[in-house]
């Protein structure tokens, strides 16, 4: 299994709108592609003092080929939509993990 992990720190001012967007639009649209097997949205509990709340969005893929298909055909569209709505209100980084 391949896990695509996106960690986002979202400003406190945008957090409520961001969560609504993630749960009702962003994640359902990604799942509708049929490529990820599962998606989890998790809030970081061991938060360090900063300017917002930190969440991680984990998408599980059956194989690396499935992840690469998602990345090639879908990822940029979803990133652009997210960035248009929340530009300047978040920072993020991505990691790719393999289940051992």
N, C-alpha and C. Protein backbone atom coordinates (compact mmCIF):
# COMPACT_ATOMS: atom_id res chain seq x y z
N UNK A 1 0.84 -1.18 0.00
CA UNK A 1 0.00 0.00 0.00
C UNK A 1 0.88 1.25 0.00
N UNK A 2 0.42 2.25 -0.71
CA UNK A 2 1.10 3.54 -0.80
C UNK A 2 0.19 4.58 -0.14
N UNK A 3 0.78 5.39 0.72
CA UNK A 3 0.02 6.45 1.40
C UNK A 3 0.61 7.79 0.98
N UNK A 4 -0.25 8.61 0.40
CA UNK A 4 0.12 9.97 0.02
C UNK A 4 -0.37 10.87 1.14
N UNK A 5 0.54 11.48 1.85
CA UNK A 5 0.24 12.26 3.04
C UNK A 5 0.47 13.74 2.76
N UNK A 6 -0.57 14.54 2.96
CA UNK A 6 -0.47 15.98 2.76
C UNK A 6 -0.72 16.64 4.12
N UNK A 7 0.29 17.31 4.64
CA UNK A 7 0.16 18.00 5.93
C UNK A 7 -0.06 19.48 5.64
N UNK A 8 -1.11 20.02 6.25
CA UNK A 8 -1.51 21.41 6.01
C UNK A 8 -1.65 22.14 7.33
N UNK A 9 -1.03 23.31 7.42
CA UNK A 9 -1.29 24.21 8.53
C UNK A 9 -2.16 25.33 7.97
N UNK A 10 -3.39 25.42 8.46
CA UNK A 10 -4.36 26.38 7.97
C UNK A 10 -4.59 27.46 9.03
N UNK A 11 -4.71 28.70 8.61
CA UNK A 11 -4.89 29.80 9.56
C UNK A 11 -6.17 29.59 10.35
N UNK A 12 -6.17 30.07 11.57
CA UNK A 12 -7.37 29.97 12.42
C UNK A 12 -8.56 30.64 11.76
N UNK A 13 -8.34 31.76 11.07
CA UNK A 13 -9.43 32.50 10.42
C UNK A 13 -10.10 31.69 9.31
N UNK A 14 -9.33 30.86 8.61
CA UNK A 14 -9.86 30.10 7.48
C UNK A 14 -10.23 28.67 7.84
N UNK A 15 -9.92 28.24 9.05
CA UNK A 15 -10.06 26.83 9.41
C UNK A 15 -11.47 26.27 9.20
N UNK A 16 -12.47 26.98 9.65
CA UNK A 16 -13.85 26.48 9.54
C UNK A 16 -14.25 26.29 8.08
N UNK A 17 -13.98 27.29 7.24
CA UNK A 17 -14.30 27.19 5.81
C UNK A 17 -13.48 26.10 5.14
N UNK A 18 -12.22 26.00 5.52
CA UNK A 18 -11.34 24.98 4.94
C UNK A 18 -11.84 23.57 5.26
N UNK A 19 -12.20 23.33 6.52
CA UNK A 19 -12.72 22.01 6.90
C UNK A 19 -13.99 21.67 6.13
N UNK A 20 -14.88 22.63 6.01
CA UNK A 20 -16.11 22.40 5.26
C UNK A 20 -15.78 22.05 3.80
N UNK A 21 -14.90 22.81 3.19
CA UNK A 21 -14.48 22.55 1.81
C UNK A 21 -13.85 21.16 1.68
N UNK A 22 -12.96 20.82 2.58
CA UNK A 22 -12.29 19.53 2.50
C UNK A 22 -13.28 18.38 2.61
N UNK A 23 -14.20 18.47 3.56
CA UNK A 23 -15.14 17.37 3.81
C UNK A 23 -16.25 17.26 2.77
N UNK A 24 -16.69 18.38 2.22
CA UNK A 24 -17.85 18.34 1.32
C UNK A 24 -17.51 18.43 -0.16
N UNK A 25 -16.33 18.94 -0.50
CA UNK A 25 -15.98 19.12 -1.91
C UNK A 25 -14.68 18.41 -2.28
N UNK A 26 -13.58 18.84 -1.66
CA UNK A 26 -12.25 18.38 -2.07
C UNK A 26 -12.08 16.86 -1.96
N UNK A 27 -12.27 16.32 -0.78
CA UNK A 27 -12.08 14.88 -0.58
C UNK A 27 -13.08 14.06 -1.40
N UNK A 28 -14.38 14.40 -1.41
CA UNK A 28 -15.30 13.64 -2.26
C UNK A 28 -14.93 13.66 -3.74
N UNK A 29 -14.42 14.81 -4.24
CA UNK A 29 -14.00 14.86 -5.64
C UNK A 29 -12.82 13.95 -5.91
N UNK A 30 -11.88 13.91 -4.99
CA UNK A 30 -10.72 13.02 -5.16
C UNK A 30 -11.16 11.57 -5.11
N UNK A 31 -12.02 11.24 -4.18
CA UNK A 31 -12.51 9.86 -4.09
C UNK A 31 -13.31 9.47 -5.33
N UNK A 32 -13.99 10.43 -5.94
CA UNK A 32 -14.79 10.16 -7.13
C UNK A 32 -13.95 9.78 -8.34
N UNK A 33 -12.64 10.06 -8.29
CA UNK A 33 -11.78 9.63 -9.39
C UNK A 33 -11.67 8.11 -9.44
N UNK A 34 -11.96 7.46 -8.31
CA UNK A 34 -11.88 6.00 -8.25
C UNK A 34 -10.48 5.46 -8.06
N UNK A 35 -9.51 6.34 -7.89
CA UNK A 35 -8.12 5.86 -7.77
C UNK A 35 -7.74 5.58 -6.32
N UNK A 36 -7.92 6.51 -5.37
CA UNK A 36 -7.56 6.19 -3.98
C UNK A 36 -8.53 5.16 -3.40
N UNK A 37 -7.99 4.27 -2.58
CA UNK A 37 -8.82 3.29 -1.90
C UNK A 37 -9.51 3.89 -0.69
N UNK A 38 -8.82 4.80 -0.02
CA UNK A 38 -9.32 5.36 1.24
C UNK A 38 -8.74 6.75 1.43
N UNK A 39 -9.45 7.55 2.20
CA UNK A 39 -8.97 8.88 2.56
C UNK A 39 -9.28 9.14 4.02
N UNK A 40 -8.31 9.70 4.72
CA UNK A 40 -8.49 10.09 6.12
C UNK A 40 -8.07 11.54 6.27
N UNK A 41 -8.87 12.30 7.00
CA UNK A 41 -8.52 13.67 7.37
C UNK A 41 -8.35 13.68 8.87
N UNK A 42 -7.15 13.99 9.34
CA UNK A 42 -6.81 13.92 10.75
C UNK A 42 -6.27 15.26 11.24
N UNK A 43 -6.61 15.61 12.47
CA UNK A 43 -6.09 16.85 13.08
C UNK A 43 -4.95 16.49 14.01
N UNK A 44 -3.88 17.23 13.93
CA UNK A 44 -2.72 17.02 14.77
C UNK A 44 -3.03 17.47 16.19
N UNK A 45 -2.84 16.58 17.16
CA UNK A 45 -3.14 16.90 18.56
C UNK A 45 -1.94 17.47 19.30
N UNK A 46 -0.75 17.13 18.87
CA UNK A 46 0.47 17.62 19.54
C UNK A 46 0.97 18.86 18.82
N UNK A 47 0.10 19.85 18.77
CA UNK A 47 0.35 21.08 18.04
C UNK A 47 1.42 21.93 18.73
N UNK A 48 2.34 22.44 17.92
CA UNK A 48 3.28 23.43 18.44
C UNK A 48 2.65 24.80 18.26
N UNK A 49 3.12 25.78 18.99
CA UNK A 49 2.54 27.12 18.90
C UNK A 49 2.84 27.72 17.54
N UNK A 50 1.79 28.00 16.78
CA UNK A 50 1.96 28.63 15.47
C UNK A 50 0.72 29.45 15.15
N UNK A 51 0.54 29.79 13.90
CA UNK A 51 -0.53 30.70 13.48
C UNK A 51 -1.77 29.98 12.99
N UNK A 52 -1.89 28.68 13.23
CA UNK A 52 -3.06 27.95 12.74
C UNK A 52 -3.12 26.55 13.27
N UNK A 53 -4.04 25.77 12.72
CA UNK A 53 -4.22 24.37 13.09
C UNK A 53 -3.61 23.49 12.01
N UNK A 54 -3.10 22.34 12.42
CA UNK A 54 -2.44 21.44 11.49
C UNK A 54 -3.27 20.17 11.30
N UNK A 55 -3.43 19.80 10.04
CA UNK A 55 -4.18 18.60 9.65
C UNK A 55 -3.32 17.78 8.70
N UNK A 56 -3.63 16.51 8.63
CA UNK A 56 -3.00 15.65 7.64
C UNK A 56 -4.11 14.94 6.88
N UNK A 57 -3.94 14.90 5.58
CA UNK A 57 -4.88 14.23 4.70
C UNK A 57 -4.14 13.04 4.11
N UNK A 58 -4.63 11.84 4.37
CA UNK A 58 -3.93 10.64 3.92
C UNK A 58 -4.77 9.89 2.90
N UNK A 59 -4.21 9.73 1.70
CA UNK A 59 -4.86 8.98 0.64
C UNK A 59 -4.11 7.68 0.46
N UNK A 60 -4.83 6.57 0.49
CA UNK A 60 -4.22 5.25 0.35
C UNK A 60 -4.44 4.73 -1.07
N UNK A 61 -3.36 4.26 -1.67
CA UNK A 61 -3.40 3.69 -3.02
C UNK A 61 -2.91 2.24 -2.96
N UNK A 62 -3.49 1.42 -3.80
CA UNK A 62 -3.13 0.01 -3.82
C UNK A 62 -1.68 -0.20 -4.24
N UNK A 63 -1.26 0.53 -5.29
CA UNK A 63 0.09 0.36 -5.82
C UNK A 63 0.71 1.72 -6.16
N UNK A 64 1.99 1.73 -6.40
CA UNK A 64 2.67 2.94 -6.85
C UNK A 64 2.12 3.38 -8.21
N UNK A 65 1.78 2.44 -9.05
CA UNK A 65 1.21 2.76 -10.36
C UNK A 65 -0.11 3.51 -10.21
N UNK A 66 -0.93 3.11 -9.23
CA UNK A 66 -2.20 3.81 -8.98
C UNK A 66 -1.93 5.25 -8.52
N UNK A 67 -0.96 5.42 -7.63
CA UNK A 67 -0.61 6.77 -7.19
C UNK A 67 -0.12 7.61 -8.38
N UNK A 68 0.74 7.05 -9.19
CA UNK A 68 1.28 7.78 -10.34
C UNK A 68 0.17 8.16 -11.32
N UNK A 69 -0.82 7.29 -11.49
CA UNK A 69 -1.96 7.60 -12.34
C UNK A 69 -2.74 8.78 -11.76
N UNK A 70 -2.96 8.77 -10.45
CA UNK A 70 -3.64 9.90 -9.80
C UNK A 70 -2.82 11.18 -10.00
N UNK A 71 -1.53 11.09 -9.76
CA UNK A 71 -0.65 12.25 -9.86
C UNK A 71 -0.65 12.81 -11.29
N UNK A 72 -0.62 11.95 -12.27
CA UNK A 72 -0.56 12.37 -13.67
C UNK A 72 -1.88 12.97 -14.16
N UNK A 73 -3.00 12.37 -13.79
CA UNK A 73 -4.28 12.75 -14.37
C UNK A 73 -5.15 13.66 -13.53
N UNK A 74 -4.89 13.77 -12.22
CA UNK A 74 -5.83 14.48 -11.35
C UNK A 74 -5.21 15.50 -10.39
N UNK A 75 -4.03 15.22 -9.89
CA UNK A 75 -3.47 15.98 -8.77
C UNK A 75 -3.40 17.48 -9.02
N UNK A 76 -2.91 17.91 -10.15
CA UNK A 76 -2.72 19.35 -10.37
C UNK A 76 -4.04 20.11 -10.32
N UNK A 77 -5.10 19.54 -10.85
CA UNK A 77 -6.41 20.20 -10.83
C UNK A 77 -6.88 20.44 -9.40
N UNK A 78 -6.74 19.43 -8.54
CA UNK A 78 -7.18 19.58 -7.15
C UNK A 78 -6.30 20.56 -6.38
N UNK A 79 -5.00 20.54 -6.64
CA UNK A 79 -4.10 21.49 -5.98
C UNK A 79 -4.42 22.92 -6.39
N UNK A 80 -4.71 23.13 -7.66
CA UNK A 80 -5.03 24.48 -8.14
C UNK A 80 -6.32 25.00 -7.52
N UNK A 81 -7.35 24.16 -7.44
CA UNK A 81 -8.61 24.56 -6.82
C UNK A 81 -8.40 24.95 -5.36
N UNK A 82 -7.65 24.14 -4.64
CA UNK A 82 -7.38 24.41 -3.23
C UNK A 82 -6.62 25.73 -3.09
N UNK A 83 -5.61 25.91 -3.92
CA UNK A 83 -4.78 27.11 -3.83
C UNK A 83 -5.58 28.38 -4.16
N UNK A 84 -6.47 28.29 -5.14
CA UNK A 84 -7.31 29.45 -5.48
C UNK A 84 -8.16 29.90 -4.30
N UNK A 85 -8.69 28.96 -3.56
CA UNK A 85 -9.59 29.28 -2.44
C UNK A 85 -8.85 29.72 -1.19
N UNK A 86 -7.67 29.17 -0.93
CA UNK A 86 -7.01 29.38 0.36
C UNK A 86 -5.60 29.95 0.24
N UNK A 87 -5.29 30.55 -0.88
CA UNK A 87 -3.98 31.14 -1.11
C UNK A 87 -3.63 32.13 0.02
N UNK A 88 -2.43 31.99 0.59
CA UNK A 88 -1.97 32.87 1.65
C UNK A 88 -2.48 32.52 3.03
N UNK A 89 -3.32 31.49 3.12
CA UNK A 89 -3.89 31.11 4.41
C UNK A 89 -3.39 29.75 4.90
N UNK A 90 -2.49 29.14 4.16
CA UNK A 90 -2.00 27.81 4.54
C UNK A 90 -0.57 27.62 4.07
N UNK A 91 0.08 26.66 4.71
CA UNK A 91 1.34 26.11 4.22
C UNK A 91 1.16 24.60 4.25
N UNK A 92 1.86 23.92 3.36
CA UNK A 92 1.69 22.47 3.30
C UNK A 92 2.98 21.80 2.85
N UNK A 93 3.06 20.51 3.14
CA UNK A 93 4.12 19.69 2.56
C UNK A 93 3.56 18.29 2.36
N UNK A 94 4.17 17.57 1.44
CA UNK A 94 3.70 16.25 1.05
C UNK A 94 4.77 15.20 1.29
N UNK A 95 4.30 14.01 1.68
CA UNK A 95 5.21 12.88 1.82
C UNK A 95 4.54 11.68 1.19
N UNK A 96 5.35 10.77 0.69
CA UNK A 96 4.86 9.53 0.10
C UNK A 96 5.41 8.39 0.93
N UNK A 97 4.52 7.54 1.43
CA UNK A 97 4.91 6.47 2.33
C UNK A 97 4.51 5.12 1.76
N UNK A 98 5.25 4.09 2.13
CA UNK A 98 4.91 2.74 1.74
C UNK A 98 4.72 1.90 2.99
N UNK A 99 3.62 1.16 3.01
CA UNK A 99 3.37 0.29 4.16
C UNK A 99 4.42 -0.81 4.19
N UNK A 100 5.04 -0.99 5.36
CA UNK A 100 6.12 -1.98 5.49
C UNK A 100 5.57 -3.38 5.70
